[in-house]
Protein backbone atom coordinates (compact mmCIF):
# COMPACT_ATOMS: atom_id res chain seq x y z
CA UNK A 1 75.14 95.09 117.17
CA UNK A 2 73.49 91.83 116.02
CA UNK A 3 70.01 93.35 116.49
CA UNK A 4 70.74 96.17 114.03
CA UNK A 5 73.23 94.46 111.69
CA UNK A 6 72.37 94.44 108.00
CA UNK A 7 74.49 92.29 105.71
CA UNK A 8 76.25 94.38 103.08
CA UNK A 9 75.71 92.98 99.56
CA UNK A 10 79.46 93.20 98.97
CA UNK A 11 79.99 90.36 101.48
CA UNK A 12 78.49 87.83 99.06
CA UNK A 13 80.48 89.21 96.13
CA UNK A 14 83.74 88.97 98.09
CA UNK A 15 82.95 85.43 99.25
CA UNK A 16 82.22 84.44 95.65
CA UNK A 17 85.59 85.82 94.51
CA UNK A 18 87.44 84.13 97.37
CA UNK A 19 85.69 80.79 96.97
CA UNK A 20 86.10 80.68 93.18
CA UNK A 21 88.82 78.09 92.68
CA UNK A 22 89.92 79.65 89.39
CA UNK A 23 90.24 83.20 90.76
CA UNK A 24 93.48 84.24 92.39
CA UNK A 25 92.44 87.81 93.13
CA UNK A 26 93.06 89.47 96.43
CA UNK A 27 90.59 92.06 97.73
CA UNK A 28 91.19 95.64 98.84
CA UNK A 29 88.50 97.66 100.62
CA UNK A 30 89.00 101.40 100.85
CA UNK A 31 86.68 104.21 101.90
CA UNK A 32 85.81 106.71 104.59
CA UNK A 33 85.53 105.92 108.28
CA UNK A 34 82.11 104.38 108.91
CA UNK A 35 81.59 103.10 105.35
CA UNK A 36 81.49 99.50 106.61
CA UNK A 37 84.89 98.14 105.57
CA UNK A 38 85.65 96.44 108.88
CA UNK A 39 82.08 95.15 109.23
CA UNK A 40 82.34 93.57 105.77
CA UNK A 41 85.67 91.96 106.69
CA UNK A 42 84.16 90.64 109.93
CA UNK A 43 81.19 89.14 108.04
CA UNK A 44 83.57 87.45 105.57
CA UNK A 45 85.68 86.14 108.46
CA UNK A 46 82.65 84.71 110.27
CA UNK A 47 81.29 83.06 107.12
CA UNK A 48 84.65 81.45 106.30
CA UNK A 49 84.95 80.24 109.91
CA UNK A 50 81.44 78.72 109.77
CA UNK A 51 80.02 81.18 112.30
CA UNK A 52 76.60 82.82 112.22
CA UNK A 53 76.50 86.53 111.44
CA UNK A 54 75.00 87.34 114.85
CA UNK A 55 77.51 85.15 116.68
CA UNK A 56 79.87 87.18 118.84
CA UNK A 57 83.62 86.55 118.56
CA UNK A 58 85.34 85.34 121.72
CA UNK A 59 88.15 87.83 121.01
CA UNK A 60 88.34 90.76 118.56
CA UNK A 61 89.93 90.21 115.17
CA UNK A 62 93.70 90.41 115.34
CA UNK A 63 95.58 92.83 113.11
CA UNK A 64 96.18 89.83 110.84
CA UNK A 65 94.01 86.73 110.59
CA UNK A 66 95.04 83.76 108.42
CA UNK A 67 92.23 81.45 107.27
CA UNK A 68 92.54 78.29 105.18
CA UNK A 69 90.26 78.32 102.12
CA UNK A 70 88.64 75.28 100.47
CA UNK A 71 90.93 75.48 97.41
CA UNK A 72 94.02 74.87 99.55
CA UNK A 73 95.07 78.50 99.61
CA UNK A 74 95.00 80.73 102.63
CA UNK A 75 93.40 84.12 103.13
CA UNK A 76 95.12 86.86 105.08
CA UNK A 77 92.63 89.38 106.50
CA UNK A 78 94.18 92.69 107.50
CA UNK A 79 91.57 94.72 109.34
CA UNK A 80 93.41 98.04 109.39
CA UNK A 81 96.47 98.37 107.20
CA UNK A 82 96.85 101.97 108.41
CA UNK A 83 97.92 100.75 111.85
CA UNK A 84 100.83 98.73 110.44
CA UNK A 85 104.34 100.22 110.30
CA UNK A 86 105.54 100.81 106.74
CA UNK A 87 108.17 98.04 106.78
CA UNK A 88 105.58 95.51 107.93
CA UNK A 89 103.32 96.57 105.03
CA UNK A 90 106.16 95.98 102.58
CA UNK A 91 106.76 92.54 104.12
CA UNK A 92 103.14 91.60 103.46
CA UNK A 93 103.48 92.59 99.79
CA UNK A 94 106.79 90.66 99.58
CA UNK A 95 105.01 87.62 100.97
CA UNK A 96 102.52 87.79 98.09
CA UNK A 97 105.27 88.36 95.52
CA UNK A 98 107.43 85.49 96.72
CA UNK A 99 104.57 83.04 96.61
CA UNK A 100 104.06 83.90 92.93
CA UNK A 101 107.68 82.90 92.38
CA UNK A 102 106.98 79.50 93.92
CA UNK A 103 108.78 80.11 97.20
CA UNK A 104 105.75 79.13 99.31
CA UNK A 105 103.78 75.90 99.04
CA UNK A 106 100.49 77.42 100.15
CA UNK A 107 99.14 80.25 98.00
CA UNK A 108 98.00 83.32 99.89
CA UNK A 109 95.32 85.84 99.07
CA UNK A 110 94.54 89.03 100.85
CA UNK A 111 91.49 90.86 102.18
CA UNK A 112 93.00 94.24 102.96
CA UNK A 113 91.19 97.08 104.73
CA UNK A 114 92.94 100.41 104.27
CA UNK A 115 92.41 104.10 104.01
CA UNK A 116 93.36 105.56 100.65
CA UNK A 117 96.46 107.47 101.80
CA UNK A 118 98.01 104.43 103.47
CA UNK A 119 97.33 102.23 100.45
CA UNK A 120 98.74 104.81 98.07
CA UNK A 121 101.91 105.32 100.16
CA UNK A 122 102.38 101.58 100.67
CA UNK A 123 102.08 100.46 97.05
CA UNK A 124 104.02 103.44 95.67
CA UNK A 125 106.75 102.97 98.26
CA UNK A 126 106.88 99.23 97.73
CA UNK A 127 107.15 99.74 93.97
CA UNK A 128 110.10 102.07 94.51
CA UNK A 129 111.85 99.79 97.01
CA UNK A 130 111.47 96.80 94.69
CA UNK A 131 112.41 98.82 91.58
CA UNK A 132 109.05 98.23 89.92
CA UNK A 133 108.22 101.31 87.89
CA UNK A 134 108.19 104.80 89.31
CA UNK A 135 106.19 106.29 92.15
CA UNK A 136 104.55 108.56 89.57
CA UNK A 137 103.36 105.53 87.60
CA UNK A 138 101.86 103.80 90.65
CA UNK A 139 100.33 106.98 92.02
CA UNK A 140 98.60 107.70 88.71
CA UNK A 141 97.48 104.08 88.34
CA UNK A 142 96.11 103.87 91.89
CA UNK A 143 94.34 107.23 91.86
CA UNK A 144 92.62 106.21 88.63
CA UNK A 145 91.52 102.87 90.14
CA UNK A 146 90.38 104.52 93.38
CA UNK A 147 88.05 106.85 91.50
CA UNK A 148 85.56 104.04 90.73
CA UNK A 149 83.33 101.84 92.88
CA UNK A 150 85.09 98.67 91.74
CA UNK A 151 88.30 98.19 89.80
CA UNK A 152 91.01 95.65 89.13
CA UNK A 153 94.64 96.33 89.82
CA UNK A 154 97.37 94.13 88.43
CA UNK A 155 100.87 94.41 89.76
CA UNK A 156 102.31 92.77 86.68
CA UNK A 157 105.86 92.17 87.85
CA UNK A 158 104.63 89.90 90.60
CA UNK A 159 101.50 88.69 88.90
CA UNK A 160 99.41 89.82 91.85
CA UNK A 161 95.81 90.69 91.04
CA UNK A 162 93.68 92.83 93.31
CA UNK A 163 89.99 93.66 93.11
CA UNK A 164 89.56 97.04 94.77
CA UNK A 165 86.25 98.30 96.15
CA UNK A 166 85.92 101.96 97.12
CA UNK A 167 83.05 102.00 99.60
CA UNK A 168 82.96 105.79 99.74
CA UNK A 169 81.54 105.70 96.19
CA UNK A 170 78.85 103.09 96.91
CA UNK A 171 75.25 104.15 97.43
CA UNK A 172 74.62 102.89 100.95
CA UNK A 173 71.35 104.73 101.54
CA UNK A 174 69.19 101.59 101.38
CA UNK A 175 71.49 99.89 103.91
CA UNK A 176 71.34 102.90 106.22
CA UNK A 177 67.55 102.94 105.96
CA UNK A 178 67.33 99.24 106.91
CA UNK A 179 69.70 99.78 109.85
CA UNK A 180 67.70 102.79 111.06
CA UNK A 181 64.46 100.77 110.91
CA UNK A 182 66.09 98.07 113.03
CA UNK A 183 67.40 100.67 115.47
CA UNK A 184 63.90 102.09 115.89
CA UNK A 185 62.33 98.66 116.29
CA UNK A 186 60.40 98.49 119.60
CA UNK A 187 62.27 95.27 120.53
CA UNK A 188 65.54 97.19 120.68
CA UNK A 189 64.13 99.68 123.21
CA UNK A 190 63.11 97.24 125.95
């Protein structure tokens, strides 16, 4: 993988958001299988851990990784929200809500990798369980946000801000071309 890896430009944008001391946004990555969501999360993880991009992890990413950020907050990376049971998803959202109410000393932010259906079901269901507007409201709001490359989502009642990136709408042709060139490189065929 390191011999064909090409850094996605979104990695730098996400790192900038996460390392901006004034920003409190969490990040959501959605898209089709193979769009690069997990690879982006892995690159962010490695950078925040001070690892080189080509450095191989001793163990695969866990379903949840907590990393301390320079501003004193912590980042929770969820590599595949779709694999989590629904009640565990709600608990993660509750964790973010409770911190906004001052119940946790360390602020948490999220880098969440999800498919669209899971995200839609989780936020709509959580909104219903917590009596925060109707499922119809959240479904309409989320579908609107998911229809663009990049959007902001504010869950006002909890003051939680998300920046959502829909990788299925990004033009990844130049990345694919660079990866293909690396794959065809004579050094990779020895």
